[in-house]
Amino acid sequence: MELNSKVITFITTIYCRLINSLRKHKLVVKNQNNVSIAYYPEYNKLVRDYYIYCTHKICDQLDITKNCNIIFGHYKWSFPNYHKTIRIDLQYEHTLVKYGGRHSSGALKGVIPVSNESNETYLVRISNFYKLIKADIVIDYSRPNIINISSSGKYNQMSDKLY
């Protein structure tokens, strides 16, 4: 029984390495405590430092007693085990935009007032929304963004995942 288990683990590991080696984005896997985290060190250069910082914070702050896998970003990755996989993504775009402002087309009406002297409210714009809702956890770089999204009541399937 033990030999079969070792053979299956070996074959799974080889298969995962082969599949992962063919992927466009070459992820790095960091193992710490009971967690394996796959991340892309060449992430979008505009926010790469923040992404790497978040990767390190995730690893440093984890206090997970069960084995699990984490994929940080919208990537495909195969781990050579059967542990639960958690998908984390990063939302780094501004969500508060004004009517007629840059990238405001398609944005939904929010509830946060632009100023105290007008009835105008900011819009809620989420770039890559359909990519982000596939994640189990979404890290947003900005507290005002989280408040804007959550208070709008229009993105409930995402607001519960925001940190």
C-alpha atoms as a PDB file:
ATOM      1  CA  MET A   1       0.000   0.000   0.000  1.00  0.00           C
ATOM      2  CA  GLU A   2       2.787   2.427   0.943  1.00  0.00           C
ATOM      3  CA  LEU A   3       4.676   1.656  -2.297  1.00  0.00           C
ATOM      4  CA  ASN A   4       1.595   2.449  -4.397  1.00  0.00           C
ATOM      5  CA  SER A   5       1.188   5.746  -2.571  1.00  0.00           C
ATOM      6  CA  LYS A   6       4.839   6.666  -3.209  1.00  0.00           C
ATOM      7  CA  VAL A   7       4.542   5.734  -6.896  1.00  0.00           C
ATOM      8  CA  ILE A   8       1.402   7.829  -7.284  1.00  0.00           C
ATOM      9  CA  THR A   9       3.069  10.781  -5.543  1.00  0.00           C
ATOM     10  CA  PHE A  10       6.146  10.431  -7.771  1.00  0.00           C
ATOM     11  CA  ILE A  11       4.068  10.256 -10.976  1.00  0.00           C
ATOM     12  CA  THR A  12       1.930  13.213  -9.850  1.00  0.00           C
ATOM     13  CA  THR A  13       5.053  15.260  -9.107  1.00  0.00           C
ATOM     14  CA  ILE A  14       6.589  14.501 -12.516  1.00  0.00           C
ATOM     15  CA  TYR A  15       3.299  15.262 -14.271  1.00  0.00           C
ATOM     16  CA  CYS A  16       2.923  18.600 -12.441  1.00  0.00           C
ATOM     17  CA  ARG A  17       6.504  19.626 -13.200  1.00  0.00           C
ATOM     18  CA  LEU A  18       6.007  18.819 -16.884  1.00  0.00           C
ATOM     19  CA  ILE A  19       2.701  20.684 -17.157  1.00  0.00           C
ATOM     20  CA  ASN A  20       4.012  23.674 -15.209  1.00  0.00           C
ATOM     21  CA  SER A  21       7.184  23.856 -17.315  1.00  0.00           C
ATOM     22  CA  LEU A  22       5.035  24.357 -20.427  1.00  0.00           C
ATOM     23  CA  ARG A  23       3.112  27.298 -18.979  1.00  0.00           C
ATOM     24  CA  LYS A  24       3.635  30.829 -20.266  1.00  0.00           C
ATOM     25  CA  HIS A  25       4.134  32.297 -16.782  1.00  0.00           C
ATOM     26  CA  LYS A  26       6.877  30.531 -14.853  1.00  0.00           C
ATOM     27  CA  LEU A  27       5.717  30.623 -11.284  1.00  0.00           C
ATOM     28  CA  VAL A  28       7.919  30.164  -8.265  1.00  0.00           C
ATOM     29  CA  VAL A  29       6.730  27.941  -5.442  1.00  0.00           C
ATOM     30  CA  LYS A  30       7.674  28.855  -1.908  1.00  0.00           C
ATOM     31  CA  ASN A  31       7.072  26.300   0.846  1.00  0.00           C
ATOM     32  CA  GLN A  32       6.644  27.574   4.361  1.00  0.00           C
ATOM     33  CA  ASN A  33       5.223  25.701   7.318  1.00  0.00           C
ATOM     34  CA  ASN A  34       2.220  23.805   5.956  1.00  0.00           C
ATOM     35  CA  VAL A  35       1.696  26.027   2.932  1.00  0.00           C
ATOM     36  CA  SER A  36       2.942  26.038  -0.652  1.00  0.00           C
ATOM     37  CA  ILE A  37       2.441  29.366  -2.438  1.00  0.00           C
ATOM     38  CA  ALA A  38       2.872  29.722  -6.202  1.00  0.00           C
ATOM     39  CA  TYR A  39       3.532  33.259  -7.368  1.00  0.00           C
ATOM     40  CA  TYR A  40       4.912  35.055 -10.418  1.00  0.00           C
ATOM     41  CA  PRO A  41       8.074  37.071  -9.633  1.00  0.00           C
ATOM     42  CA  GLU A  42       7.760  38.946 -12.943  1.00  0.00           C
ATOM     43  CA  TYR A  43       4.268  40.278 -12.118  1.00  0.00           C
ATOM     44  CA  ASN A  44       3.079  43.541 -13.711  1.00  0.00           C
ATOM     45  CA  LYS A  45       6.044  45.891 -13.342  1.00  0.00           C
ATOM     46  CA  LEU A  46       3.882  48.829 -12.208  1.00  0.00           C
ATOM     47  CA  VAL A  47       2.882  47.029  -9.014  1.00  0.00           C
ATOM     48  CA  ARG A  48       5.480  44.260  -8.803  1.00  0.00           C
ATOM     49  CA  ASP A  49       7.055  45.501  -5.579  1.00  0.00           C
ATOM     50  CA  TYR A  50       3.658  45.569  -3.867  1.00  0.00           C
ATOM     51  CA  TYR A  51       2.826  42.092  -5.214  1.00  0.00           C
ATOM     52  CA  ILE A  52       6.113  40.666  -3.908  1.00  0.00           C
ATOM     53  CA  TYR A  53       5.557  42.466  -0.591  1.00  0.00           C
ATOM     54  CA  CYS A  54       2.089  40.854  -0.346  1.00  0.00           C
ATOM     55  CA  THR A  55       3.585  37.458  -1.184  1.00  0.00           C
ATOM     56  CA  HIS A  56       6.047  37.774   1.697  1.00  0.00           C
ATOM     57  CA  LYS A  57       3.364  39.060   4.083  1.00  0.00           C
ATOM     58  CA  ILE A  58       1.097  36.137   3.194  1.00  0.00           C
ATOM     59  CA  CYS A  59       3.923  33.708   3.968  1.00  0.00           C
ATOM     60  CA  ASP A  60       4.972  35.505   7.168  1.00  0.00           C
ATOM     61  CA  GLN A  61       1.461  35.953   8.568  1.00  0.00           C
ATOM     62  CA  LEU A  62       0.093  32.523   7.845  1.00  0.00           C
ATOM     63  CA  ASP A  63      -0.834  30.497  10.849  1.00  0.00           C
ATOM     64  CA  ILE A  64      -2.423  27.558   9.101  1.00  0.00           C
ATOM     65  CA  THR A  65      -2.381  24.192  10.803  1.00  0.00           C
ATOM     66  CA  LYS A  66      -3.667  22.200   7.810  1.00  0.00           C
ATOM     67  CA  ASN A  67      -1.654  21.720   4.643  1.00  0.00           C
ATOM     68  CA  CYS A  68      -2.829  23.899   1.774  1.00  0.00           C
ATOM     69  CA  ASN A  69      -1.739  25.428  -1.506  1.00  0.00           C
ATOM     70  CA  ILE A  70      -2.043  29.066  -2.565  1.00  0.00           C
ATOM     71  CA  ILE A  71      -1.948  30.458  -6.085  1.00  0.00           C
ATOM     72  CA  PHE A  72      -1.329  34.202  -5.950  1.00  0.00           C
ATOM     73  CA  GLY A  73      -2.626  35.762  -9.137  1.00  0.00           C
ATOM     74  CA  HIS A  74      -4.796  34.679 -12.016  1.00  0.00           C
ATOM     75  CA  TYR A  75      -2.567  31.781 -13.064  1.00  0.00           C
ATOM     76  CA  LYS A  76      -2.944  28.097 -13.653  1.00  0.00           C
ATOM     77  CA  TRP A  77      -0.750  25.882 -11.535  1.00  0.00           C
ATOM     78  CA  SER A  78      -0.736  22.227 -10.564  1.00  0.00           C
ATOM     79  CA  PHE A  79       0.583  21.248  -7.156  1.00  0.00           C
ATOM     80  CA  PRO A  80       1.885  17.685  -6.704  1.00  0.00           C
ATOM     81  CA  ASN A  81      -0.500  17.009  -3.828  1.00  0.00           C
ATOM     82  CA  TYR A  82      -4.191  16.873  -3.031  1.00  0.00           C
ATOM     83  CA  HIS A  83      -4.303  19.685  -0.479  1.00  0.00           C
ATOM     84  CA  LYS A  84      -6.906  22.406  -0.717  1.00  0.00           C
ATOM     85  CA  THR A  85      -5.891  25.215  -3.093  1.00  0.00           C
ATOM     86  CA  ILE A  86      -6.773  28.822  -2.258  1.00  0.00           C
ATOM     87  CA  ARG A  87      -6.744  31.417  -5.043  1.00  0.00           C
ATOM     88  CA  ILE A  88      -5.667  34.941  -4.066  1.00  0.00           C
ATOM     89  CA  ASP A  89      -5.617  37.860  -6.479  1.00  0.00           C
ATOM     90  CA  LEU A  90      -4.580  41.500  -6.317  1.00  0.00           C
ATOM     91  CA  GLN A  91      -6.878  44.431  -7.167  1.00  0.00           C
ATOM     92  CA  TYR A  92      -4.605  47.407  -7.769  1.00  0.00           C
ATOM     93  CA  GLU A  93      -6.767  49.762  -9.853  1.00  0.00           C
ATOM     94  CA  HIS A  94      -8.642  52.837  -8.611  1.00  0.00           C
ATOM     95  CA  THR A  95     -12.332  52.084  -8.142  1.00  0.00           C
ATOM     96  CA  LEU A  96     -13.509  55.635  -7.426  1.00  0.00           C
ATOM     97  CA  VAL A  97     -14.090  57.474 -10.709  1.00  0.00           C
ATOM     98  CA  LYS A  98     -16.237  60.471 -11.688  1.00  0.00           C
ATOM     99  CA  TYR A  99     -18.805  60.606 -14.468  1.00  0.00           C
ATOM    100  CA  GLY A 100     -16.992  61.377 -17.696  1.00  0.00           C
ATOM    101  CA  GLY A 101     -13.624  60.673 -16.115  1.00  0.00           C
ATOM    102  CA  ARG A 102     -10.946  58.444 -17.539  1.00  0.00           C
ATOM    103  CA  HIS A 103     -12.085  54.789 -17.726  1.00  0.00           C
ATOM    104  CA  SER A 104     -15.543  55.666 -16.375  1.00  0.00           C
ATOM    105  CA  SER A 105     -17.560  54.032 -19.143  1.00  0.00           C
ATOM    106  CA  GLY A 106     -19.324  50.954 -17.847  1.00  0.00           C
ATOM    107  CA  ALA A 107     -18.777  51.926 -14.200  1.00  0.00           C
ATOM    108  CA  LEU A 108     -21.768  51.615 -11.871  1.00  0.00           C
ATOM    109  CA  LYS A 109     -23.200  54.398  -9.699  1.00  0.00           C
ATOM    110  CA  GLY A 110     -21.780  54.358  -6.197  1.00  0.00           C
ATOM    111  CA  VAL A 111     -22.882  55.977  -2.929  1.00  0.00           C
ATOM    112  CA  ILE A 112     -19.766  57.921  -1.879  1.00  0.00           C
ATOM    113  CA  PRO A 113     -20.320  61.660  -2.482  1.00  0.00           C
ATOM    114  CA  VAL A 114     -17.820  63.554  -4.622  1.00  0.00           C
ATOM    115  CA  SER A 115     -18.166  66.575  -2.316  1.00  0.00           C
ATOM    116  CA  ASN A 116     -20.471  67.857   0.391  1.00  0.00           C
ATOM    117  CA  GLU A 117     -21.840  70.588  -1.895  1.00  0.00           C
ATOM    118  CA  SER A 118     -23.240  68.364  -4.648  1.00  0.00           C
ATOM    119  CA  ASN A 119     -25.484  65.356  -5.057  1.00  0.00           C
ATOM    120  CA  GLU A 120     -22.936  63.723  -7.355  1.00  0.00           C
ATOM    121  CA  THR A 121     -21.465  60.392  -6.240  1.00  0.00           C
ATOM    122  CA  TYR A 122     -18.407  58.534  -7.390  1.00  0.00           C
ATOM    123  CA  LEU A 123     -18.836  55.634  -9.734  1.00  0.00           C
ATOM    124  CA  VAL A 124     -17.554  52.157  -8.880  1.00  0.00           C
ATOM    125  CA  ARG A 125     -15.223  50.770 -11.520  1.00  0.00           C
ATOM    126  CA  ILE A 126     -13.608  47.382 -11.135  1.00  0.00           C
ATOM    127  CA  SER A 127     -11.080  46.551 -13.785  1.00  0.00           C
ATOM    128  CA  ASN A 128     -10.868  42.800 -14.514  1.00  0.00           C
ATOM    129  CA  PHE A 129     -13.952  42.099 -12.407  1.00  0.00           C
ATOM    130  CA  TYR A 130     -14.626  38.666 -13.932  1.00  0.00           C
ATOM    131  CA  LYS A 131     -11.046  37.618 -13.284  1.00  0.00           C
ATOM    132  CA  LEU A 132     -11.132  38.832  -9.685  1.00  0.00           C
ATOM    133  CA  ILE A 133     -14.377  37.105  -8.678  1.00  0.00           C
ATOM    134  CA  LYS A 134     -12.777  33.744  -9.490  1.00  0.00           C
ATOM    135  CA  ALA A 135     -10.410  34.281  -6.549  1.00  0.00           C
ATOM    136  CA  ASP A 136     -11.204  33.123  -3.022  1.00  0.00           C
ATOM    137  CA  ILE A 137      -9.513  36.211  -1.569  1.00  0.00           C
ATOM    138  CA  VAL A 138      -8.903  39.601  -3.216  1.00  0.00           C
ATOM    139  CA  ILE A 139      -6.280  41.928  -1.773  1.00  0.00           C
ATOM    140  CA  ASP A 140      -7.033  45.564  -2.555  1.00  0.00           C
ATOM    141  CA  TYR A 141      -4.272  48.097  -2.103  1.00  0.00           C
ATOM    142  CA  SER A 142      -6.642  50.822  -0.934  1.00  0.00           C
ATOM    143  CA  ARG A 143      -9.049  51.054   1.999  1.00  0.00           C
ATOM    144  CA  PRO A 144     -11.185  53.683   0.156  1.00  0.00           C
ATOM    145  CA  ASN A 145     -11.522  51.206  -2.723  1.00  0.00           C
ATOM    146  CA  ILE A 146     -12.815  48.521  -0.355  1.00  0.00           C
ATOM    147  CA  ILE A 147     -15.320  50.957   1.158  1.00  0.00           C
ATOM    148  CA  ASN A 148     -16.410  52.134  -2.302  1.00  0.00           C
ATOM    149  CA  ILE A 149     -17.003  48.581  -3.531  1.00  0.00           C
ATOM    150  CA  SER A 150     -18.653  47.296  -0.346  1.00  0.00           C
ATOM    151  CA  SER A 151     -20.939  50.291   0.244  1.00  0.00           C
ATOM    152  CA  SER A 152     -22.216  50.319  -3.350  1.00  0.00           C
ATOM    153  CA  GLY A 153     -24.147  47.072  -2.797  1.00  0.00           C
ATOM    154  CA  LYS A 154     -23.547  46.190  -6.432  1.00  0.00           C
ATOM    155  CA  TYR A 155     -20.600  43.834  -6.127  1.00  0.00           C
ATOM    156  CA  ASN A 156     -21.644  41.564  -3.266  1.00  0.00           C
ATOM    157  CA  GLN A 157     -19.980  38.519  -4.844  1.00  0.00           C
ATOM    158  CA  MET A 158     -16.662  40.357  -4.562  1.00  0.00           C
ATOM    159  CA  SER A 159     -17.024  42.536  -1.467  1.00  0.00           C
ATOM    160  CA  ASP A 160     -17.025  39.483   0.841  1.00  0.00           C
ATOM    161  CA  LYS A 161     -13.602  38.501  -0.526  1.00  0.00           C
ATOM    162  CA  LEU A 162     -11.884  41.882  -0.119  1.00  0.00           C
ATOM    163  CA  TYR A 163      -8.988  42.478   2.253  1.00  0.00           C
END
